[in-house]
Amino acid sequence: MSVAEFALWATLGFLFWKKKLYQRFPGMASYLALRVASMPTLMATLYIQSQPWGRSYYAVYFFAYWTVYITSAVLLLLVCIEVFRSALSALPGLMKIGIVIFRWAILVSVVLTFSSISFVHHGLAAVPDIAVGLMRSVSVVELCLLAFLCLSMNALRLSIRDLAFGIALGFGVMSSNDFVFAALTSRKATMTGTLQFVYEAVLLASVAIWVAYCALPQAVRKPLMMPANSTIYRWNEIASALGHTGTQIAVQQPANSFFLTDVEKVVEKVLTRNLKGRASES
């Protein structure tokens, strides 16, 4: 099953590169390149360190595995931002402000996850705790992203055949699989247990979903048509206006008209009185 998984990852990477999908999702392309490049190395190192003569290679496998694991978590955060940006591409105003909010949500999720980790190990033994905690926060973000796309597909005119939705769907299935596996498995589980085979089967199905999305012709996204008085259009216009200073207008302060009026009346009375005096003298 591990060999079949590598074959699916390699097929997915080939289709991704052949159709130049890396131009639309560069983060996803980096993630695929990491998986395709690291899987043979990790599998070979795992086999070597499991042999009686290769126990000294355990440190190599330990550092290589957790380095790839942490790097994958960081790349997955970038992929989530790419999918979110692609889904909101028809509404640039909401996309701009949504990306800012989405980044803050990711930061808060990571901080809360790390603050809830109980570091029972010290030194290098704490690396797995940190890596698993980071990946757990990434999984929560992936599930929230999938829920957002499912709830807003009609408003965003996003097709179920769109690659952005397909990527989110695959990661959502993977995240659910990870949470269920972590809840049901024990610390002493073996790699030949029944639950391990179920976990690997769901993982294969997730990668197969991406292969199908990449193999099928890409759906052309329809233009987003909406009335001018629609709520989402007003929100987009408001979001587009945020952050723009606009044209500065010099406003001249009006003079105190009340004071000037009184002065004019006094001057008028004085002039009238002088004119009347001169007329009576003449």
C-alpha atoms as a PDB file:
ATOM      1  CA  MET A   1       0.000   0.000   0.000  1.00  0.00           C
ATOM      2  CA  SER A   2       2.934   2.337   0.610  1.00  0.00           C
ATOM      3  CA  VAL A   3       4.226   1.585  -2.890  1.00  0.00           C
ATOM      4  CA  ALA A   4       0.754   2.272  -4.319  1.00  0.00           C
ATOM      5  CA  GLU A   5       0.667   5.554  -2.392  1.00  0.00           C
ATOM      6  CA  PHE A   6       3.994   6.627  -3.870  1.00  0.00           C
ATOM      7  CA  ALA A   7       2.750   5.712  -7.351  1.00  0.00           C
ATOM      8  CA  LEU A   8      -0.325   7.900  -6.839  1.00  0.00           C
ATOM      9  CA  TRP A   9       1.765  10.816  -5.560  1.00  0.00           C
ATOM     10  CA  ALA A  10       4.094  10.483  -8.544  1.00  0.00           C
ATOM     11  CA  THR A  11       1.151  10.381 -10.961  1.00  0.00           C
ATOM     12  CA  LEU A  12      -0.381  13.407  -9.311  1.00  0.00           C
ATOM     13  CA  GLY A  13       2.884  15.325  -9.516  1.00  0.00           C
ATOM     14  CA  PHE A  14       3.256  14.435 -13.208  1.00  0.00           C
ATOM     15  CA  LEU A  15      -0.281  15.632 -14.033  1.00  0.00           C
ATOM     16  CA  PHE A  16       0.208  18.767 -11.978  1.00  0.00           C
ATOM     17  CA  TRP A  17       3.358  19.629 -13.871  1.00  0.00           C
ATOM     18  CA  LYS A  18       2.055  18.586 -17.309  1.00  0.00           C
ATOM     19  CA  LYS A  19      -1.034  20.806 -17.049  1.00  0.00           C
ATOM     20  CA  LYS A  20       1.013  23.674 -15.573  1.00  0.00           C
ATOM     21  CA  LEU A  21      -1.195  23.815 -12.508  1.00  0.00           C
ATOM     22  CA  TYR A  22       1.834  24.960 -10.529  1.00  0.00           C
ATOM     23  CA  GLN A  23       1.220  28.433 -11.958  1.00  0.00           C
ATOM     24  CA  ARG A  24      -2.129  28.575 -10.155  1.00  0.00           C
ATOM     25  CA  PHE A  25      -1.121  26.683  -7.005  1.00  0.00           C
ATOM     26  CA  PRO A  26       2.658  27.011  -6.457  1.00  0.00           C
ATOM     27  CA  GLY A  27       2.348  25.984  -2.800  1.00  0.00           C
ATOM     28  CA  MET A  28       0.573  22.770  -3.768  1.00  0.00           C
ATOM     29  CA  ALA A  29       3.286  22.069  -6.340  1.00  0.00           C
ATOM     30  CA  SER A  30       5.960  22.459  -3.653  1.00  0.00           C
ATOM     31  CA  TYR A  31       4.038  20.129  -1.355  1.00  0.00           C
ATOM     32  CA  LEU A  32       3.762  17.484  -4.096  1.00  0.00           C
ATOM     33  CA  ALA A  33       7.466  17.789  -4.899  1.00  0.00           C
ATOM     34  CA  LEU A  34       8.300  17.266  -1.231  1.00  0.00           C
ATOM     35  CA  ARG A  35       6.110  14.172  -0.974  1.00  0.00           C
ATOM     36  CA  VAL A  36       7.410  12.598  -4.182  1.00  0.00           C
ATOM     37  CA  ALA A  37      11.041  13.280  -3.299  1.00  0.00           C
ATOM     38  CA  SER A  38      10.863  12.253   0.365  1.00  0.00           C
ATOM     39  CA  MET A  39       8.784   9.070   0.226  1.00  0.00           C
ATOM     40  CA  PRO A  40      11.394   6.759  -1.402  1.00  0.00           C
ATOM     41  CA  THR A  41      14.125   8.074   0.905  1.00  0.00           C
ATOM     42  CA  LEU A  42      12.030   7.633   4.031  1.00  0.00           C
ATOM     43  CA  MET A  43      10.839   4.175   3.015  1.00  0.00           C
ATOM     44  CA  ALA A  44      14.405   3.029   2.302  1.00  0.00           C
ATOM     45  CA  THR A  45      15.700   4.484   5.574  1.00  0.00           C
ATOM     46  CA  LEU A  46      12.828   2.898   7.500  1.00  0.00           C
ATOM     47  CA  TYR A  47      13.634  -0.496   6.020  1.00  0.00           C
ATOM     48  CA  ILE A  48      17.347  -0.143   6.803  1.00  0.00           C
ATOM     49  CA  GLN A  49      16.875   0.940  10.421  1.00  0.00           C
ATOM     50  CA  SER A  50      14.418  -1.918  11.016  1.00  0.00           C
ATOM     51  CA  GLN A  51      17.135  -4.452  10.233  1.00  0.00           C
ATOM     52  CA  PRO A  52      19.420  -5.749  13.012  1.00  0.00           C
ATOM     53  CA  TRP A  53      22.474  -4.374  11.195  1.00  0.00           C
ATOM     54  CA  GLY A  54      20.920  -0.975  10.564  1.00  0.00           C
ATOM     55  CA  ARG A  55      19.910   0.182  14.038  1.00  0.00           C
ATOM     56  CA  SER A  56      22.447   3.002  13.864  1.00  0.00           C
ATOM     57  CA  TYR A  57      20.365   4.619  11.082  1.00  0.00           C
ATOM     58  CA  TYR A  58      17.462   5.308  13.446  1.00  0.00           C
ATOM     59  CA  ALA A  59      18.700   8.866  14.120  1.00  0.00           C
ATOM     60  CA  VAL A  60      18.829   9.512  10.366  1.00  0.00           C
ATOM     61  CA  TYR A  61      15.255   8.328   9.927  1.00  0.00           C
ATOM     62  CA  PHE A  62      14.097  10.290  12.998  1.00  0.00           C
ATOM     63  CA  PHE A  63      15.434  13.651  11.837  1.00  0.00           C
ATOM     64  CA  ALA A  64      14.487  13.086   8.180  1.00  0.00           C
ATOM     65  CA  TYR A  65      10.923  12.045   8.986  1.00  0.00           C
ATOM     66  CA  TRP A  66      10.118  14.893  11.375  1.00  0.00           C
ATOM     67  CA  THR A  67      11.815  17.485   9.161  1.00  0.00           C
ATOM     68  CA  VAL A  68       9.601  16.444   6.255  1.00  0.00           C
ATOM     69  CA  TYR A  69       6.594  16.354   8.590  1.00  0.00           C
ATOM     70  CA  ILE A  70       7.087  19.930   9.847  1.00  0.00           C
ATOM     71  CA  THR A  71       7.896  21.231   6.360  1.00  0.00           C
ATOM     72  CA  SER A  72       4.701  19.608   5.054  1.00  0.00           C
ATOM     73  CA  ALA A  73       2.658  21.360   7.760  1.00  0.00           C
ATOM     74  CA  VAL A  74       4.070  24.766   6.785  1.00  0.00           C
ATOM     75  CA  LEU A  75       3.435  24.128   3.077  1.00  0.00           C
ATOM     76  CA  LEU A  76      -0.127  23.019   3.824  1.00  0.00           C
ATOM     77  CA  LEU A  77      -0.825  26.389   5.432  1.00  0.00           C
ATOM     78  CA  LEU A  78       0.341  28.065   2.229  1.00  0.00           C
ATOM     79  CA  VAL A  79      -1.877  25.729   0.187  1.00  0.00           C
ATOM     80  CA  CYS A  80      -4.905  26.666   2.317  1.00  0.00           C
ATOM     81  CA  ILE A  81      -4.256  30.351   1.616  1.00  0.00           C
ATOM     82  CA  GLU A  82      -3.946  29.607  -2.118  1.00  0.00           C
ATOM     83  CA  VAL A  83      -7.245  27.716  -2.173  1.00  0.00           C
ATOM     84  CA  PHE A  84      -8.961  30.501  -0.222  1.00  0.00           C
ATOM     85  CA  ARG A  85      -7.579  33.123  -2.625  1.00  0.00           C
ATOM     86  CA  SER A  86      -8.672  31.097  -5.657  1.00  0.00           C
ATOM     87  CA  ALA A  87     -12.197  30.638  -4.303  1.00  0.00           C
ATOM     88  CA  LEU A  88     -12.610  34.397  -3.749  1.00  0.00           C
ATOM     89  CA  SER A  89     -10.866  35.494  -6.945  1.00  0.00           C
ATOM     90  CA  ALA A  90     -14.153  36.796  -8.392  1.00  0.00           C
ATOM     91  CA  LEU A  91     -14.492  39.202  -5.442  1.00  0.00           C
ATOM     92  CA  PRO A  92     -11.131  40.986  -5.132  1.00  0.00           C
ATOM     93  CA  GLY A  93     -12.283  43.249  -2.317  1.00  0.00           C
ATOM     94  CA  LEU A  94     -13.463  40.424  -0.095  1.00  0.00           C
ATOM     95  CA  MET A  95     -10.420  38.365  -1.087  1.00  0.00           C
ATOM     96  CA  LYS A  96      -8.056  41.105   0.096  1.00  0.00           C
ATOM     97  CA  ILE A  97      -9.618  41.519   3.510  1.00  0.00           C
ATOM     98  CA  GLY A  98     -10.418  37.798   3.756  1.00  0.00           C
ATOM     99  CA  ILE A  99      -6.762  36.832   3.297  1.00  0.00           C
ATOM    100  CA  VAL A 100      -5.794  39.114   6.187  1.00  0.00           C
ATOM    101  CA  ILE A 101      -8.450  37.575   8.446  1.00  0.00           C
ATOM    102  CA  PHE A 102      -7.520  34.072   7.285  1.00  0.00           C
ATOM    103  CA  ARG A 103      -3.852  34.621   8.156  1.00  0.00           C
ATOM    104  CA  TRP A 104      -4.759  35.881  11.616  1.00  0.00           C
ATOM    105  CA  ALA A 105      -7.009  32.836  12.099  1.00  0.00           C
ATOM    106  CA  ILE A 106      -4.092  30.564  11.186  1.00  0.00           C
ATOM    107  CA  LEU A 107      -1.809  32.381  13.622  1.00  0.00           C
ATOM    108  CA  VAL A 108      -4.353  32.140  16.449  1.00  0.00           C
ATOM    109  CA  SER A 109      -4.915  28.448  15.706  1.00  0.00           C
ATOM    110  CA  VAL A 110      -1.178  27.704  15.829  1.00  0.00           C
ATOM    111  CA  VAL A 111      -0.689  29.704  19.047  1.00  0.00           C
ATOM    112  CA  LEU A 112      -3.616  27.980  20.766  1.00  0.00           C
ATOM    113  CA  THR A 113      -2.365  24.579  19.664  1.00  0.00           C
ATOM    114  CA  PHE A 114       1.139  25.151  20.989  1.00  0.00           C
ATOM    115  CA  SER A 115      -0.187  26.569  24.241  1.00  0.00           C
ATOM    116  CA  SER A 116      -2.225  23.391  24.803  1.00  0.00           C
ATOM    117  CA  ILE A 117       0.646  20.968  24.165  1.00  0.00           C
ATOM    118  CA  SER A 118       1.857  19.154  27.258  1.00  0.00           C
ATOM    119  CA  PHE A 119       5.594  18.782  26.779  1.00  0.00           C
ATOM    120  CA  VAL A 120       6.158  15.530  28.631  1.00  0.00           C
ATOM    121  CA  HIS A 121       9.414  14.996  26.762  1.00  0.00           C
ATOM    122  CA  HIS A 122      12.512  17.153  26.787  1.00  0.00           C
ATOM    123  CA  GLY A 123      15.268  17.852  24.305  1.00  0.00           C
ATOM    124  CA  LEU A 124      14.997  16.200  20.892  1.00  0.00           C
ATOM    125  CA  ALA A 125      12.238  13.925  22.186  1.00  0.00           C
ATOM    126  CA  ALA A 126       9.936  16.975  22.211  1.00  0.00           C
ATOM    127  CA  VAL A 127      10.193  17.364  18.418  1.00  0.00           C
ATOM    128  CA  PRO A 128       7.351  14.861  17.719  1.00  0.00           C
ATOM    129  CA  ASP A 129       5.069  16.697  20.173  1.00  0.00           C
ATOM    130  CA  ILE A 130       5.718  20.019  18.436  1.00  0.00           C
ATOM    131  CA  ALA A 131       5.305  18.537  14.953  1.00  0.00           C
ATOM    132  CA  VAL A 132       2.058  16.718  15.779  1.00  0.00           C
ATOM    133  CA  GLY A 133       0.650  19.829  17.466  1.00  0.00           C
ATOM    134  CA  LEU A 134       1.446  21.960  14.411  1.00  0.00           C
ATOM    135  CA  MET A 135      -0.107  19.418  12.055  1.00  0.00           C
ATOM    136  CA  ARG A 136      -3.199  19.239  14.257  1.00  0.00           C
ATOM    137  CA  SER A 137      -3.730  22.995  13.938  1.00  0.00           C
ATOM    138  CA  VAL A 138      -3.240  22.708  10.165  1.00  0.00           C
ATOM    139  CA  SER A 139      -5.864  19.951  10.035  1.00  0.00           C
ATOM    140  CA  VAL A 140      -8.356  22.190  11.850  1.00  0.00           C
ATOM    141  CA  VAL A 141      -7.709  24.971   9.320  1.00  0.00           C
ATOM    142  CA  GLU A 142      -8.223  22.523   6.441  1.00  0.00           C
ATOM    143  CA  LEU A 143     -11.568  21.341   7.821  1.00  0.00           C
ATOM    144  CA  CYS A 144     -12.711  24.935   8.362  1.00  0.00           C
ATOM    145  CA  LEU A 145     -11.696  25.813   4.797  1.00  0.00           C
ATOM    146  CA  LEU A 146     -13.668  22.882   3.390  1.00  0.00           C
ATOM    147  CA  ALA A 147     -16.719  23.852   5.467  1.00  0.00           C
ATOM    148  CA  PHE A 148     -16.459  27.454   4.227  1.00  0.00           C
ATOM    149  CA  LEU A 149     -16.332  26.372   0.579  1.00  0.00           C
ATOM    150  CA  CYS A 150     -19.277  23.994   1.001  1.00  0.00           C
ATOM    151  CA  LEU A 151     -21.405  26.716   2.595  1.00  0.00           C
ATOM    152  CA  SER A 152     -20.492  29.476   0.139  1.00  0.00           C
ATOM    153  CA  MET A 153     -20.284  27.597  -3.165  1.00  0.00           C
ATOM    154  CA  ASN A 154     -23.538  29.050  -4.491  1.00  0.00           C
ATOM    155  CA  ALA A 155     -22.697  32.611  -3.481  1.00  0.00           C
ATOM    156  CA  LEU A 156     -19.214  32.397  -4.994  1.00  0.00           C
ATOM    157  CA  ARG A 157     -20.412  30.503  -8.103  1.00  0.00           C
ATOM    158  CA  LEU A 158     -17.788  27.853  -7.353  1.00  0.00           C
ATOM    159  CA  SER A 159     -18.255  24.586  -9.220  1.00  0.00           C
ATOM    160  CA  ILE A 160     -17.786  21.260  -7.493  1.00  0.00           C
ATOM    161  CA  ARG A 161     -15.445  20.364 -10.371  1.00  0.00           C
ATOM    162  CA  ASP A 162     -13.150  23.314  -9.632  1.00  0.00           C
ATOM    163  CA  LEU A 163      -9.632  22.258  -8.635  1.00  0.00           C
ATOM    164  CA  ALA A 164      -9.701  24.575  -5.611  1.00  0.00           C
ATOM    165  CA  PHE A 165     -12.646  22.652  -4.187  1.00  0.00           C
ATOM    166  CA  GLY A 166     -10.998  19.346  -5.112  1.00  0.00           C
ATOM    167  CA  ILE A 167      -7.832  20.246  -3.191  1.00  0.00           C
ATOM    168  CA  ALA A 168      -9.866  21.320  -0.169  1.00  0.00           C
ATOM    169  CA  LEU A 169     -11.927  18.120  -0.371  1.00  0.00           C
ATOM    170  CA  GLY A 170      -8.831  15.919  -0.438  1.00  0.00           C
ATOM    171  CA  PHE A 171      -7.258  17.679   2.527  1.00  0.00           C
ATOM    172  CA  GLY A 172     -10.562  17.566   4.409  1.00  0.00           C
ATOM    173  CA  VAL A 173     -10.742  13.781   3.990  1.00  0.00           C
ATOM    174  CA  MET A 174      -7.102  13.463   5.087  1.00  0.00           C
ATOM    175  CA  SER A 175      -7.671  15.624   8.162  1.00  0.00           C
ATOM    176  CA  SER A 176     -10.749  13.660   9.199  1.00  0.00           C
ATOM    177  CA  ASN A 177      -8.797  10.452   8.675  1.00  0.00           C
ATOM    178  CA  ASP A 178      -5.969  11.729  10.907  1.00  0.00           C
ATOM    179  CA  PHE A 179      -8.325  12.771  13.711  1.00  0.00           C
ATOM    180  CA  VAL A 180     -10.221   9.460  13.675  1.00  0.00           C
ATOM    181  CA  PHE A 181      -6.999   7.468  13.560  1.00  0.00           C
ATOM    182  CA  ALA A 182      -5.476   9.458  16.449  1.00  0.00           C
ATOM    183  CA  ALA A 183      -8.642   8.975  18.535  1.00  0.00           C
ATOM    184  CA  LEU A 184      -8.916   5.216  17.976  1.00  0.00           C
ATOM    185  CA  THR A 185      -5.328   4.062  17.845  1.00  0.00           C
ATOM    186  CA  SER A 186      -3.132   3.410  20.861  1.00  0.00           C
ATOM    187  CA  ARG A 187       0.490   4.315  21.451  1.00  0.00           C
ATOM    188  CA  LYS A 188       1.495   0.659  21.095  1.00  0.00           C
ATOM    189  CA  ALA A 189      -0.205   0.158  17.729  1.00  0.00           C
ATOM    190  CA  THR A 190       1.689  -1.727  15.049  1.00  0.00           C
ATOM    191  CA  MET A 191       1.978  -0.900  11.363  1.00  0.00           C
ATOM    192  CA  THR A 192       0.214  -4.174  10.477  1.00  0.00           C
ATOM    193  CA  GLY A 193      -2.923  -3.521  12.512  1.00  0.00           C
ATOM    194  CA  THR A 194      -6.379  -3.383  10.956  1.00  0.00           C
ATOM    195  CA  LEU A 195      -6.818   0.314  11.743  1.00  0.00           C
ATOM    196  CA  GLN A 196      -3.521   1.078  10.016  1.00  0.00           C
ATOM    197  CA  PHE A 197      -4.777  -0.551   6.810  1.00  0.00           C
ATOM    198  CA  VAL A 198      -8.020   1.437   6.990  1.00  0.00           C
ATOM    199  CA  TYR A 199      -6.041   4.639   7.510  1.00  0.00           C
ATOM    200  CA  GLU A 200      -3.829   3.917   4.514  1.00  0.00           C
ATOM    201  CA  ALA A 201      -6.856   3.059   2.352  1.00  0.00           C
ATOM    202  CA  VAL A 202      -8.506   6.405   3.116  1.00  0.00           C
ATOM    203  CA  LEU A 203      -5.216   8.165   2.371  1.00  0.00           C
ATOM    204  CA  LEU A 204      -5.038   6.420  -0.999  1.00  0.00           C
ATOM    205  CA  ALA A 205      -8.607   7.507  -1.711  1.00  0.00           C
ATOM    206  CA  SER A 206      -7.718  11.134  -0.910  1.00  0.00           C
ATOM    207  CA  VAL A 207      -4.778  11.162  -3.318  1.00  0.00           C
ATOM    208  CA  ALA A 208      -6.935   9.397  -5.928  1.00  0.00           C
ATOM    209  CA  ILE A 209      -9.457  12.268  -5.646  1.00  0.00           C
ATOM    210  CA  TRP A 210      -6.722  14.733  -6.587  1.00  0.00           C
ATOM    211  CA  VAL A 211      -5.553  12.539  -9.464  1.00  0.00           C
ATOM    212  CA  ALA A 212      -9.114  12.476 -10.821  1.00  0.00           C
ATOM    213  CA  TYR A 213      -9.464  16.269 -10.512  1.00  0.00           C
ATOM    214  CA  CYS A 214      -6.181  16.818 -12.354  1.00  0.00           C
ATOM    215  CA  ALA A 215      -6.898  14.212 -15.034  1.00  0.00           C
ATOM    216  CA  LEU A 216     -10.338  15.581 -15.904  1.00  0.00           C
ATOM    217  CA  PRO A 217     -10.671  18.778 -17.964  1.00  0.00           C
ATOM    218  CA  GLN A 218     -10.631  21.847 -15.772  1.00  0.00           C
ATOM    219  CA  ALA A 219     -14.018  23.463 -15.305  1.00  0.00           C
ATOM    220  CA  VAL A 220     -14.232  27.016 -16.619  1.00  0.00           C
ATOM    221  CA  ARG A 221     -15.411  29.269 -13.865  1.00  0.00           C
ATOM    222  CA  LYS A 222     -18.413  31.360 -14.855  1.00  0.00           C
ATOM    223  CA  PRO A 223     -18.348  35.130 -14.346  1.00  0.00           C
ATOM    224  CA  LEU A 224     -19.909  36.221 -11.099  1.00  0.00           C
ATOM    225  CA  MET A 225     -23.067  38.125 -12.060  1.00  0.00           C
ATOM    226  CA  MET A 226     -25.000  39.837  -9.311  1.00  0.00           C
ATOM    227  CA  PRO A 227     -27.367  42.782  -8.977  1.00  0.00           C
ATOM    228  CA  ALA A 228     -25.898  46.076  -7.833  1.00  0.00           C
ATOM    229  CA  ASN A 229     -28.062  46.086  -4.712  1.00  0.00           C
ATOM    230  CA  SER A 230     -26.955  42.616  -3.541  1.00  0.00           C
ATOM    231  CA  THR A 231     -25.397  42.307  -0.096  1.00  0.00           C
ATOM    232  CA  ILE A 232     -22.252  40.493  -1.231  1.00  0.00           C
ATOM    233  CA  TYR A 233     -21.638  43.167  -3.878  1.00  0.00           C
ATOM    234  CA  ARG A 234     -21.880  45.937  -1.260  1.00  0.00           C
ATOM    235  CA  TRP A 235     -19.529  44.021   1.023  1.00  0.00           C
ATOM    236  CA  ASN A 236     -17.065  43.643  -1.823  1.00  0.00           C
ATOM    237  CA  GLU A 237     -17.212  47.371  -2.600  1.00  0.00           C
ATOM    238  CA  ILE A 238     -16.730  48.274   1.064  1.00  0.00           C
ATOM    239  CA  ALA A 239     -13.809  45.855   1.363  1.00  0.00           C
ATOM    240  CA  SER A 240     -12.272  47.311  -1.819  1.00  0.00           C
ATOM    241  CA  ALA A 241     -12.493  50.810  -0.371  1.00  0.00           C
ATOM    242  CA  LEU A 242     -10.740  49.833   2.858  1.00  0.00           C
ATOM    243  CA  GLY A 243      -7.118  50.836   2.890  1.00  0.00           C
ATOM    244  CA  HIS A 244      -7.437  53.386   0.072  1.00  0.00           C
ATOM    245  CA  THR A 245      -6.733  56.972   1.098  1.00  0.00           C
ATOM    246  CA  GLY A 246      -8.451  58.404  -1.952  1.00  0.00           C
ATOM    247  CA  THR A 247      -8.099  61.989  -3.185  1.00  0.00           C
ATOM    248  CA  GLN A 248      -7.413  64.610  -0.570  1.00  0.00           C
ATOM    249  CA  ILE A 249      -9.683  67.644  -0.766  1.00  0.00           C
ATOM    250  CA  ALA A 250      -8.692  70.958   0.792  1.00  0.00           C
ATOM    251  CA  VAL A 251     -11.696  72.302   2.681  1.00  0.00           C
ATOM    252  CA  GLN A 252     -11.575  76.002   3.495  1.00  0.00           C
ATOM    253  CA  GLN A 253     -12.959  76.897   6.873  1.00  0.00           C
ATOM    254  CA  PRO A 254     -15.898  79.322   6.465  1.00  0.00           C
ATOM    255  CA  ALA A 255     -15.551  82.704   8.091  1.00  0.00           C
ATOM    256  CA  ASN A 256     -17.635  83.616  11.041  1.00  0.00           C
ATOM    257  CA  SER A 257     -20.631  84.945   9.117  1.00  0.00           C
ATOM    258  CA  PHE A 258     -22.443  85.929  12.276  1.00  0.00           C
ATOM    259  CA  PHE A 259     -19.653  88.334  13.338  1.00  0.00           C
ATOM    260  CA  LEU A 260     -19.249  89.831   9.852  1.00  0.00           C
ATOM    261  CA  THR A 261     -22.977  90.397   9.529  1.00  0.00           C
ATOM    262  CA  ASP A 262     -23.056  92.361  12.768  1.00  0.00           C
ATOM    263  CA  VAL A 263     -20.089  94.500  11.696  1.00  0.00           C
ATOM    264  CA  GLU A 264     -21.774  95.258   8.370  1.00  0.00           C
ATOM    265  CA  LYS A 265     -24.971  96.294  10.133  1.00  0.00           C
ATOM    266  CA  VAL A 266     -23.106  98.650  12.491  1.00  0.00           C
ATOM    267  CA  VAL A 267     -21.181 100.244   9.601  1.00  0.00           C
ATOM    268  CA  GLU A 268     -24.420 100.618   7.673  1.00  0.00           C
ATOM    269  CA  LYS A 269     -26.122 102.379  10.579  1.00  0.00           C
ATOM    270  CA  VAL A 270     -23.201 104.770  11.067  1.00  0.00           C
ATOM    271  CA  LEU A 271     -23.145 105.678   7.382  1.00  0.00           C
ATOM    272  CA  THR A 272     -26.916 106.175   7.319  1.00  0.00           C
ATOM    273  CA  ARG A 273     -26.788 108.427  10.392  1.00  0.00           C
ATOM    274  CA  ASN A 274     -23.990 110.541   8.896  1.00  0.00           C
ATOM    275  CA  LEU A 275     -25.847 110.952   5.631  1.00  0.00           C
ATOM    276  CA  LYS A 276     -29.017 112.018   7.455  1.00  0.00           C
ATOM    277  CA  GLY A 277     -27.013 114.559   9.536  1.00  0.00           C
ATOM    278  CA  ARG A 278     -25.430 116.130   6.474  1.00  0.00           C
ATOM    279  CA  ALA A 279     -28.808 116.291   4.750  1.00  0.00           C
ATOM    280  CA  SER A 280     -30.410 118.133   7.709  1.00  0.00           C
ATOM    281  CA  GLU A 281     -27.494 120.606   7.855  1.00  0.00           C
ATOM    282  CA  SER A 282     -27.826 121.421   4.204  1.00  0.00           C
END
